[in-house]
Amino acid sequence: GTELITLSPVATLVWDALDGTRDES
């Protein structure tokens, strides 16, 4: 809770995909 990290729009797409249903490929 000490640092804010702002992602780029493309990194945000990857972040959103990290929902437990997808692997890297």
mmCIF file of all heavy atoms, coordinates in Angstrom:
data_MODEL
# 
_entry.id   MODEL 
# 
loop_
_atom_site.group_PDB 
_atom_site.id 
_atom_site.type_symbol 
_atom_site.label_atom_id 
_atom_site.label_alt_id 
_atom_site.label_comp_id 
_atom_site.label_asym_id 
_atom_site.label_entity_id 
_atom_site.label_seq_id 
_atom_site.pdbx_PDB_ins_code 
_atom_site.Cartn_x 
_atom_site.Cartn_y 
_atom_site.Cartn_z 
_atom_site.occupancy 
_atom_site.B_iso_or_equiv 
_atom_site.pdbx_formal_charge 
_atom_site.auth_seq_id 
_atom_site.auth_comp_id 
_atom_site.auth_asym_id 
_atom_site.auth_atom_id 
_atom_site.pdbx_PDB_model_num 
ATOM 1   N N   . GLY A 1 1  ? 0.794   -1.218  0.000   1.00 0.00 ? 1  GLY A N   1 
ATOM 2   C CA  . GLY A 1 1  ? 0.000   0.000   0.000   1.00 0.00 ? 1  GLY A CA  1 
ATOM 3   C C   . GLY A 1 1  ? 0.825   1.266   0.000   1.00 0.00 ? 1  GLY A C   1 
ATOM 4   O O   . GLY A 1 1  ? 0.361   2.321   0.401   1.00 0.00 ? 1  GLY A O   1 
ATOM 5   N N   . THR A 1 2  ? 2.068   1.172   -0.473  1.00 0.00 ? 2  THR A N   1 
ATOM 6   C CA  . THR A 1 2  ? 2.969   2.319   -0.418  1.00 0.00 ? 2  THR A CA  1 
ATOM 7   C C   . THR A 1 2  ? 3.319   2.885   -1.788  1.00 0.00 ? 2  THR A C   1 
ATOM 8   O O   . THR A 1 2  ? 3.932   3.945   -1.863  1.00 0.00 ? 2  THR A O   1 
ATOM 9   C CB  . THR A 1 2  ? 4.277   1.927   0.286   1.00 0.00 ? 2  THR A CB  1 
ATOM 10  O OG1 . THR A 1 2  ? 4.881   0.843   -0.424  1.00 0.00 ? 2  THR A OG1 1 
ATOM 11  C CG2 . THR A 1 2  ? 4.028   1.542   1.731   1.00 0.00 ? 2  THR A CG2 1 
ATOM 12  N N   . GLU A 1 3  ? 2.949   2.180   -2.861  1.00 0.00 ? 3  GLU A N   1 
ATOM 13  C CA  . GLU A 1 3  ? 3.356   2.622   -4.189  1.00 0.00 ? 3  GLU A CA  1 
ATOM 14  C C   . GLU A 1 3  ? 2.206   2.440   -5.175  1.00 0.00 ? 3  GLU A C   1 
ATOM 15  O O   . GLU A 1 3  ? 1.487   1.440   -5.137  1.00 0.00 ? 3  GLU A O   1 
ATOM 16  C CB  . GLU A 1 3  ? 4.560   1.806   -4.658  1.00 0.00 ? 3  GLU A CB  1 
ATOM 17  C CG  . GLU A 1 3  ? 5.129   2.256   -5.962  1.00 0.00 ? 3  GLU A CG  1 
ATOM 18  C CD  . GLU A 1 3  ? 6.389   1.484   -6.343  1.00 0.00 ? 3  GLU A CD  1 
ATOM 19  O OE1 . GLU A 1 3  ? 6.924   0.728   -5.523  1.00 0.00 ? 3  GLU A OE1 1 
ATOM 20  O OE2 . GLU A 1 3  ? 6.820   1.656   -7.486  1.00 0.00 ? 3  GLU A OE2 1 
ATOM 21  N N   . LEU A 1 4  ? 2.040   3.427   -6.058  1.00 0.00 ? 4  LEU A N   1 
ATOM 22  C CA  . LEU A 1 4  ? 1.083   3.328   -7.155  1.00 0.00 ? 4  LEU A CA  1 
ATOM 23  C C   . LEU A 1 4  ? 1.846   2.990   -8.426  1.00 0.00 ? 4  LEU A C   1 
ATOM 24  O O   . LEU A 1 4  ? 2.881   3.590   -8.715  1.00 0.00 ? 4  LEU A O   1 
ATOM 25  C CB  . LEU A 1 4  ? 0.343   4.646   -7.362  1.00 0.00 ? 4  LEU A CB  1 
ATOM 26  C CG  . LEU A 1 4  ? -0.671  5.050   -6.316  1.00 0.00 ? 4  LEU A CG  1 
ATOM 27  C CD1 . LEU A 1 4  ? -1.234  6.433   -6.641  1.00 0.00 ? 4  LEU A CD1 1 
ATOM 28  C CD2 . LEU A 1 4  ? -1.795  4.037   -6.237  1.00 0.00 ? 4  LEU A CD2 1 
ATOM 29  N N   . ILE A 1 5  ? 1.319   2.051   -9.178  1.00 0.00 ? 5  ILE A N   1 
ATOM 30  C CA  . ILE A 1 5  ? 1.931   1.643   -10.435 1.00 0.00 ? 5  ILE A CA  1 
ATOM 31  C C   . ILE A 1 5  ? 0.888   1.873   -11.520 1.00 0.00 ? 5  ILE A C   1 
ATOM 32  O O   . ILE A 1 5  ? -0.225  1.344   -11.439 1.00 0.00 ? 5  ILE A O   1 
ATOM 33  C CB  . ILE A 1 5  ? 2.335   0.155   -10.378 1.00 0.00 ? 5  ILE A CB  1 
ATOM 34  C CG1 . ILE A 1 5  ? 3.305   -0.073  -9.227  1.00 0.00 ? 5  ILE A CG1 1 
ATOM 35  C CG2 . ILE A 1 5  ? 2.918   -0.290  -11.719 1.00 0.00 ? 5  ILE A CG2 1 
ATOM 36  C CD1 . ILE A 1 5  ? 3.391   -1.503  -8.768  1.00 0.00 ? 5  ILE A CD1 1 
ATOM 37  N N   . THR A 1 6  ? 1.231   2.673   -12.525 1.00 0.00 ? 6  THR A N   1 
ATOM 38  C CA  . THR A 1 6  ? 0.315   2.951   -13.620 1.00 0.00 ? 6  THR A CA  1 
ATOM 39  C C   . THR A 1 6  ? 0.794   2.200   -14.855 1.00 0.00 ? 6  THR A C   1 
ATOM 40  O O   . THR A 1 6  ? 1.944   2.349   -15.275 1.00 0.00 ? 6  THR A O   1 
ATOM 41  C CB  . THR A 1 6  ? 0.255   4.467   -13.918 1.00 0.00 ? 6  THR A CB  1 
ATOM 42  O OG1 . THR A 1 6  ? -0.137  5.146   -12.726 1.00 0.00 ? 6  THR A OG1 1 
ATOM 43  C CG2 . THR A 1 6  ? -0.753  4.760   -15.015 1.00 0.00 ? 6  THR A CG2 1 
ATOM 44  N N   . LEU A 1 7  ? -0.093  1.398   -15.427 1.00 0.00 ? 7  LEU A N   1 
ATOM 45  C CA  . LEU A 1 7  ? 0.250   0.592   -16.593 1.00 0.00 ? 7  LEU A CA  1 
ATOM 46  C C   . LEU A 1 7  ? -0.134  1.306   -17.886 1.00 0.00 ? 7  LEU A C   1 
ATOM 47  O O   . LEU A 1 7  ? -1.069  2.101   -17.913 1.00 0.00 ? 7  LEU A O   1 
ATOM 48  C CB  . LEU A 1 7  ? -0.487  -0.745  -16.542 1.00 0.00 ? 7  LEU A CB  1 
ATOM 49  C CG  . LEU A 1 7  ? -0.231  -1.636  -15.327 1.00 0.00 ? 7  LEU A CG  1 
ATOM 50  C CD1 . LEU A 1 7  ? -1.009  -2.934  -15.454 1.00 0.00 ? 7  LEU A CD1 1 
ATOM 51  C CD2 . LEU A 1 7  ? 1.252   -1.908  -15.138 1.00 0.00 ? 7  LEU A CD2 1 
ATOM 52  N N   . SER A 1 8  ? 0.561   0.964   -18.945 1.00 0.00 ? 8  SER A N   1 
ATOM 53  C CA  . SER A 1 8  ? 0.202   1.452   -20.268 1.00 0.00 ? 8  SER A CA  1 
ATOM 54  C C   . SER A 1 8  ? -1.110  0.781   -20.691 1.00 0.00 ? 8  SER A C   1 
ATOM 55  O O   . SER A 1 8  ? -1.519  -0.233  -20.098 1.00 0.00 ? 8  SER A O   1 
ATOM 56  C CB  . SER A 1 8  ? 1.298   1.101   -21.275 1.00 0.00 ? 8  SER A CB  1 
ATOM 57  O OG  . SER A 1 8  ? 1.279   -0.297  -21.532 1.00 0.00 ? 8  SER A OG  1 
ATOM 58  N N   . PRO A 1 9  ? -1.770  1.303   -21.711 1.00 0.00 ? 9  PRO A N   1 
ATOM 59  C CA  . PRO A 1 9  ? -3.000  0.651   -22.175 1.00 0.00 ? 9  PRO A CA  1 
ATOM 60  C C   . PRO A 1 9  ? -2.803  -0.814  -22.584 1.00 0.00 ? 9  PRO A C   1 
ATOM 61  O O   . PRO A 1 9  ? -3.647  -1.654  -22.291 1.00 0.00 ? 9  PRO A O   1 
ATOM 62  C CB  . PRO A 1 9  ? -3.436  1.513   -23.359 1.00 0.00 ? 9  PRO A CB  1 
ATOM 63  C CG  . PRO A 1 9  ? -2.912  2.883   -23.022 1.00 0.00 ? 9  PRO A CG  1 
ATOM 64  C CD  . PRO A 1 9  ? -1.572  2.605   -22.372 1.00 0.00 ? 9  PRO A CD  1 
ATOM 65  N N   . VAL A 1 10 ? -1.683  -1.128  -23.236 1.00 0.00 ? 10 VAL A N   1 
ATOM 66  C CA  . VAL A 1 10 ? -1.450  -2.521  -23.640 1.00 0.00 ? 10 VAL A CA  1 
ATOM 67  C C   . VAL A 1 10 ? -1.157  -3.398  -22.422 1.00 0.00 ? 10 VAL A C   1 
ATOM 68  O O   . VAL A 1 10 ? -1.669  -4.508  -22.302 1.00 0.00 ? 10 VAL A O   1 
ATOM 69  C CB  . VAL A 1 10 ? -0.324  -2.623  -24.693 1.00 0.00 ? 10 VAL A CB  1 
ATOM 70  C CG1 . VAL A 1 10 ? -0.011  -4.078  -25.021 1.00 0.00 ? 10 VAL A CG1 1 
ATOM 71  C CG2 . VAL A 1 10 ? -0.712  -1.862  -25.958 1.00 0.00 ? 10 VAL A CG2 1 
ATOM 72  N N   . ALA A 1 11 ? -0.360  -2.896  -21.498 1.00 0.00 ? 11 ALA A N   1 
ATOM 73  C CA  . ALA A 1 11 ? -0.102  -3.652  -20.268 1.00 0.00 ? 11 ALA A CA  1 
ATOM 74  C C   . ALA A 1 11 ? -1.401  -3.863  -19.498 1.00 0.00 ? 11 ALA A C   1 
ATOM 75  O O   . ALA A 1 11 ? -1.588  -4.907  -18.859 1.00 0.00 ? 11 ALA A O   1 
ATOM 76  C CB  . ALA A 1 11 ? 0.931   -2.939  -19.408 1.00 0.00 ? 11 ALA A CB  1 
ATOM 77  N N   . THR A 1 12 ? -2.304  -2.897  -19.572 1.00 0.00 ? 12 THR A N   1 
ATOM 78  C CA  . THR A 1 12 ? -3.600  -3.048  -18.916 1.00 0.00 ? 12 THR A CA  1 
ATOM 79  C C   . THR A 1 12 ? -4.398  -4.190  -19.540 1.00 0.00 ? 12 THR A C   1 
ATOM 80  O O   . THR A 1 12 ? -5.097  -4.923  -18.828 1.00 0.00 ? 12 THR A O   1 
ATOM 81  C CB  . THR A 1 12 ? -4.391  -1.719  -18.976 1.00 0.00 ? 12 THR A CB  1 
ATOM 82  O OG1 . THR A 1 12 ? -3.641  -0.733  -18.246 1.00 0.00 ? 12 THR A OG1 1 
ATOM 83  C CG2 . THR A 1 12 ? -5.768  -1.847  -18.364 1.00 0.00 ? 12 THR A CG2 1 
ATOM 84  N N   . LEU A 1 13 ? -4.289  -4.374  -20.858 1.00 0.00 ? 13 LEU A N   1 
ATOM 85  C CA  . LEU A 1 13 ? -4.951  -5.517  -21.504 1.00 0.00 ? 13 LEU A CA  1 
ATOM 86  C C   . LEU A 1 13 ? -4.428  -6.833  -20.938 1.00 0.00 ? 13 LEU A C   1 
ATOM 87  O O   . LEU A 1 13 ? -5.193  -7.766  -20.678 1.00 0.00 ? 13 LEU A O   1 
ATOM 88  C CB  . LEU A 1 13 ? -4.743  -5.471  -23.017 1.00 0.00 ? 13 LEU A CB  1 
ATOM 89  C CG  . LEU A 1 13 ? -5.411  -4.334  -23.771 1.00 0.00 ? 13 LEU A CG  1 
ATOM 90  C CD1 . LEU A 1 13 ? -4.967  -4.342  -25.239 1.00 0.00 ? 13 LEU A CD1 1 
ATOM 91  C CD2 . LEU A 1 13 ? -6.923  -4.426  -23.661 1.00 0.00 ? 13 LEU A CD2 1 
ATOM 92  N N   . VAL A 1 14 ? -3.116  -6.912  -20.753 1.00 0.00 ? 14 VAL A N   1 
ATOM 93  C CA  . VAL A 1 14 ? -2.527  -8.124  -20.167 1.00 0.00 ? 14 VAL A CA  1 
ATOM 94  C C   . VAL A 1 14 ? -3.004  -8.268  -18.726 1.00 0.00 ? 14 VAL A C   1 
ATOM 95  O O   . VAL A 1 14 ? -3.419  -9.358  -18.312 1.00 0.00 ? 14 VAL A O   1 
ATOM 96  C CB  . VAL A 1 14 ? -0.986  -8.091  -20.246 1.00 0.00 ? 14 VAL A CB  1 
ATOM 97  C CG1 . VAL A 1 14 ? -0.389  -9.305  -19.548 1.00 0.00 ? 14 VAL A CG1 1 
ATOM 98  C CG2 . VAL A 1 14 ? -0.518  -8.005  -21.695 1.00 0.00 ? 14 VAL A CG2 1 
ATOM 99  N N   . TRP A 1 15 ? -2.968  -7.206  -17.964 1.00 0.00 ? 15 TRP A N   1 
ATOM 100 C CA  . TRP A 1 15 ? -3.407  -7.228  -16.568 1.00 0.00 ? 15 TRP A CA  1 
ATOM 101 C C   . TRP A 1 15 ? -4.843  -7.742  -16.466 1.00 0.00 ? 15 TRP A C   1 
ATOM 102 O O   . TRP A 1 15 ? -5.164  -8.581  -15.638 1.00 0.00 ? 15 TRP A O   1 
ATOM 103 C CB  . TRP A 1 15 ? -3.256  -5.832  -15.977 1.00 0.00 ? 15 TRP A CB  1 
ATOM 104 C CG  . TRP A 1 15 ? -3.679  -5.701  -14.564 1.00 0.00 ? 15 TRP A CG  1 
ATOM 105 C CD1 . TRP A 1 15 ? -4.838  -5.140  -14.105 1.00 0.00 ? 15 TRP A CD1 1 
ATOM 106 C CD2 . TRP A 1 15 ? -2.974  -6.140  -13.397 1.00 0.00 ? 15 TRP A CD2 1 
ATOM 107 N NE1 . TRP A 1 15 ? -4.891  -5.203  -12.728 1.00 0.00 ? 15 TRP A NE1 1 
ATOM 108 C CE2 . TRP A 1 15 ? -3.756  -5.808  -12.283 1.00 0.00 ? 15 TRP A CE2 1 
ATOM 109 C CE3 . TRP A 1 15 ? -1.759  -6.778  -13.193 1.00 0.00 ? 15 TRP A CE3 1 
ATOM 110 C CZ2 . TRP A 1 15 ? -3.350  -6.101  -10.973 1.00 0.00 ? 15 TRP A CZ2 1 
ATOM 111 C CZ3 . TRP A 1 15 ? -1.363  -7.060  -11.899 1.00 0.00 ? 15 TRP A CZ3 1 
ATOM 112 C CH2 . TRP A 1 15 ? -2.151  -6.727  -10.811 1.00 0.00 ? 15 TRP A CH2 1 
ATOM 113 N N   . ASP A 1 16 ? -5.718  -7.222  -17.334 1.00 0.00 ? 16 ASP A N   1 
ATOM 114 C CA  . ASP A 1 16 ? -7.118  -7.662  -17.340 1.00 0.00 ? 16 ASP A CA  1 
ATOM 115 C C   . ASP A 1 16 ? -7.249  -9.144  -17.671 1.00 0.00 ? 16 ASP A C   1 
ATOM 116 O O   . ASP A 1 16 ? -8.166  -9.812  -17.188 1.00 0.00 ? 16 ASP A O   1 
ATOM 117 C CB  . ASP A 1 16 ? -7.941  -6.841  -18.331 1.00 0.00 ? 16 ASP A CB  1 
ATOM 118 C CG  . ASP A 1 16 ? -8.249  -5.442  -17.831 1.00 0.00 ? 16 ASP A CG  1 
ATOM 119 O OD1 . ASP A 1 16 ? -8.166  -5.203  -16.607 1.00 0.00 ? 16 ASP A OD1 1 
ATOM 120 O OD2 . ASP A 1 16 ? -8.574  -4.583  -18.672 1.00 0.00 ? 16 ASP A OD2 1 
ATOM 121 N N   . ALA A 1 17 ? -6.346  -9.653  -18.486 1.00 0.00 ? 17 ALA A N   1 
ATOM 122 C CA  . ALA A 1 17 ? -6.401  -11.066 -18.886 1.00 0.00 ? 17 ALA A CA  1 
ATOM 123 C C   . ALA A 1 17 ? -5.939  -12.012 -17.768 1.00 0.00 ? 17 ALA A C   1 
ATOM 124 O O   . ALA A 1 17 ? -6.165  -13.216 -17.847 1.00 0.00 ? 17 ALA A O   1 
ATOM 125 C CB  . ALA A 1 17 ? -5.540  -11.287 -20.129 1.00 0.00 ? 17 ALA A CB  1 
ATOM 126 N N   . LEU A 1 18 ? -5.333  -11.475 -16.733 1.00 0.00 ? 18 LEU A N   1 
ATOM 127 C CA  . LEU A 1 18 ? -4.829  -12.303 -15.630 1.00 0.00 ? 18 LEU A CA  1 
ATOM 128 C C   . LEU A 1 18 ? -5.964  -12.631 -14.656 1.00 0.00 ? 18 LEU A C   1 
ATOM 129 O O   . LEU A 1 18 ? -5.965  -12.241 -13.501 1.00 0.00 ? 18 LEU A O   1 
ATOM 130 C CB  . LEU A 1 18 ? -3.689  -11.583 -14.903 1.00 0.00 ? 18 LEU A CB  1 
ATOM 131 C CG  . LEU A 1 18 ? -2.463  -11.270 -15.750 1.00 0.00 ? 18 LEU A CG  1 
ATOM 132 C CD1 . LEU A 1 18 ? -1.472  -10.435 -14.958 1.00 0.00 ? 18 LEU A CD1 1 
ATOM 133 C CD2 . LEU A 1 18 ? -1.821  -12.547 -16.270 1.00 0.00 ? 18 LEU A CD2 1 
ATOM 134 N N   . ASP A 1 19 ? -6.923  -13.397 -15.151 1.00 0.00 ? 19 ASP A N   1 
ATOM 135 C CA  . ASP A 1 19 ? -8.121  -13.718 -14.368 1.00 0.00 ? 19 ASP A CA  1 
ATOM 136 C C   . ASP A 1 19 ? -8.177  -15.175 -13.926 1.00 0.00 ? 19 ASP A C   1 
ATOM 137 O O   . ASP A 1 19 ? -9.187  -15.643 -13.425 1.00 0.00 ? 19 ASP A O   1 
ATOM 138 C CB  . ASP A 1 19 ? -9.371  -13.369 -15.163 1.00 0.00 ? 19 ASP A CB  1 
ATOM 139 C CG  . ASP A 1 19 ? -9.462  -14.128 -16.480 1.00 0.00 ? 19 ASP A CG  1 
ATOM 140 O OD1 . ASP A 1 19 ? -8.603  -14.991 -16.752 1.00 0.00 ? 19 ASP A OD1 1 
ATOM 141 O OD2 . ASP A 1 19 ? -10.411 -13.855 -17.243 1.00 0.00 ? 19 ASP A OD2 1 
ATOM 142 N N   . GLY A 1 20 ? -7.074  -15.892 -14.142 1.00 0.00 ? 20 GLY A N   1 
ATOM 143 C CA  . GLY A 1 20 ? -7.015  -17.286 -13.726 1.00 0.00 ? 20 GLY A CA  1 
ATOM 144 C C   . GLY A 1 20 ? -7.501  -18.271 -14.770 1.00 0.00 ? 20 GLY A C   1 
ATOM 145 O O   . GLY A 1 20 ? -7.439  -19.475 -14.555 1.00 0.00 ? 20 GLY A O   1 
ATOM 146 N N   . THR A 1 21 ? -7.974  -17.778 -15.923 1.00 0.00 ? 21 THR A N   1 
ATOM 147 C CA  . THR A 1 21 ? -8.487  -18.684 -16.957 1.00 0.00 ? 21 THR A CA  1 
ATOM 148 C C   . THR A 1 21 ? -7.552  -18.804 -18.151 1.00 0.00 ? 21 THR A C   1 
ATOM 149 O O   . THR A 1 21 ? -7.737  -19.689 -18.977 1.00 0.00 ? 21 THR A O   1 
ATOM 150 C CB  . THR A 1 21 ? -9.870  -18.219 -17.464 1.00 0.00 ? 21 THR A CB  1 
ATOM 151 O OG1 . THR A 1 21 ? -9.738  -16.957 -18.125 1.00 0.00 ? 21 THR A OG1 1 
ATOM 152 C CG2 . THR A 1 21 ? -10.857 -18.110 -16.320 1.00 0.00 ? 21 THR A CG2 1 
ATOM 153 N N   . ARG A 1 22 ? -6.570  -17.930 -18.253 1.00 0.00 ? 22 ARG A N   1 
ATOM 154 C CA  . ARG A 1 22 ? -5.681  -17.921 -19.419 1.00 0.00 ? 22 ARG A CA  1 
ATOM 155 C C   . ARG A 1 22 ? -4.241  -18.190 -19.003 1.00 0.00 ? 22 ARG A C   1 
ATOM 156 O O   . ARG A 1 22 ? -3.808  -17.733 -17.959 1.00 0.00 ? 22 ARG A O   1 
ATOM 157 C CB  . ARG A 1 22 ? -5.735  -16.563 -20.116 1.00 0.00 ? 22 ARG A CB  1 
ATOM 158 C CG  . ARG A 1 22 ? -7.097  -16.174 -20.652 1.00 0.00 ? 22 ARG A CG  1 
ATOM 159 C CD  . ARG A 1 22 ? -7.037  -14.715 -21.124 1.00 0.00 ? 22 ARG A CD  1 
ATOM 160 N NE  . ARG A 1 22 ? -8.309  -14.221 -21.526 1.00 0.00 ? 22 ARG A NE  1 
ATOM 161 C CZ  . ARG A 1 22 ? -9.147  -13.559 -20.733 1.00 0.00 ? 22 ARG A CZ  1 
ATOM 162 N NH1 . ARG A 1 22 ? -8.850  -13.314 -19.478 1.00 0.00 ? 22 ARG A NH1 1 
ATOM 163 N NH2 . ARG A 1 22 ? -10.297 -13.123 -21.195 1.00 0.00 ? 22 ARG A NH2 1 
ATOM 164 N N   . ASP A 1 23 ? -3.528  -18.862 -19.879 1.00 0.00 ? 23 ASP A N   1 
ATOM 165 C CA  . ASP A 1 23 ? -2.095  -19.011 -19.677 1.00 0.00 ? 23 ASP A CA  1 
ATOM 166 C C   . ASP A 1 23 ? -1.372  -17.989 -20.555 1.00 0.00 ? 23 ASP A C   1 
ATOM 167 O O   . ASP A 1 23 ? -2.008  -17.206 -21.272 1.00 0.00 ? 23 ASP A O   1 
ATOM 168 C CB  . ASP A 1 23 ? -1.634  -20.449 -19.953 1.00 0.00 ? 23 ASP A CB  1 
ATOM 169 C CG  . ASP A 1 23 ? -1.832  -20.869 -21.406 1.00 0.00 ? 23 ASP A CG  1 
ATOM 170 O OD1 . ASP A 1 23 ? -2.211  -20.026 -22.246 1.00 0.00 ? 23 ASP A OD1 1 
ATOM 171 O OD2 . ASP A 1 23 ? -1.614  -22.055 -21.690 1.00 0.00 ? 23 ASP A OD2 1 
ATOM 172 N N   . GLU A 1 24 ? -0.080  -17.995 -20.492 1.00 0.00 ? 24 GLU A N   1 
ATOM 173 C CA  . GLU A 1 24 ? 0.713   -17.018 -21.232 1.00 0.00 ? 24 GLU A CA  1 
ATOM 174 C C   . GLU A 1 24 ? 0.440   -17.081 -22.730 1.00 0.00 ? 24 GLU A C   1 
ATOM 175 O O   . GLU A 1 24 ? 0.272   -16.050 -23.387 1.00 0.00 ? 24 GLU A O   1 
ATOM 176 C CB  . GLU A 1 24 ? 2.202   -17.254 -20.956 1.00 0.00 ? 24 GLU A CB  1 
ATOM 177 C CG  . GLU A 1 24 ? 3.117   -16.252 -21.607 1.00 0.00 ? 24 GLU A CG  1 
ATOM 178 C CD  . GLU A 1 24 ? 4.573   -16.481 -21.249 1.00 0.00 ? 24 GLU A CD  1 
ATOM 179 O OE1 . GLU A 1 24 ? 4.868   -16.839 -20.089 1.00 0.00 ? 24 GLU A OE1 1 
ATOM 180 O OE2 . GLU A 1 24 ? 5.416   -16.304 -22.140 1.00 0.00 ? 24 GLU A OE2 1 
ATOM 181 N N   . SER A 1 25 ? 0.369   -18.271 -23.288 1.00 0.00 ? 25 SER A N   1 
ATOM 182 C CA  . SER A 1 25 ? 0.159   -18.396 -24.732 1.00 0.00 ? 25 SER A CA  1 
ATOM 183 C C   . SER A 1 25 ? -1.222  -17.876 -25.145 1.00 0.00 ? 25 SER A C   1 
ATOM 184 O O   . SER A 1 25 ? -1.364  -17.297 -26.223 1.00 0.00 ? 25 SER A O   1 
ATOM 185 C CB  . SER A 1 25 ? 0.360   -19.835 -25.200 1.00 0.00 ? 25 SER A CB  1 
ATOM 186 O OG  . SER A 1 25 ? -0.596  -20.692 -24.606 1.00 0.00 ? 25 SER A OG  1 
# 
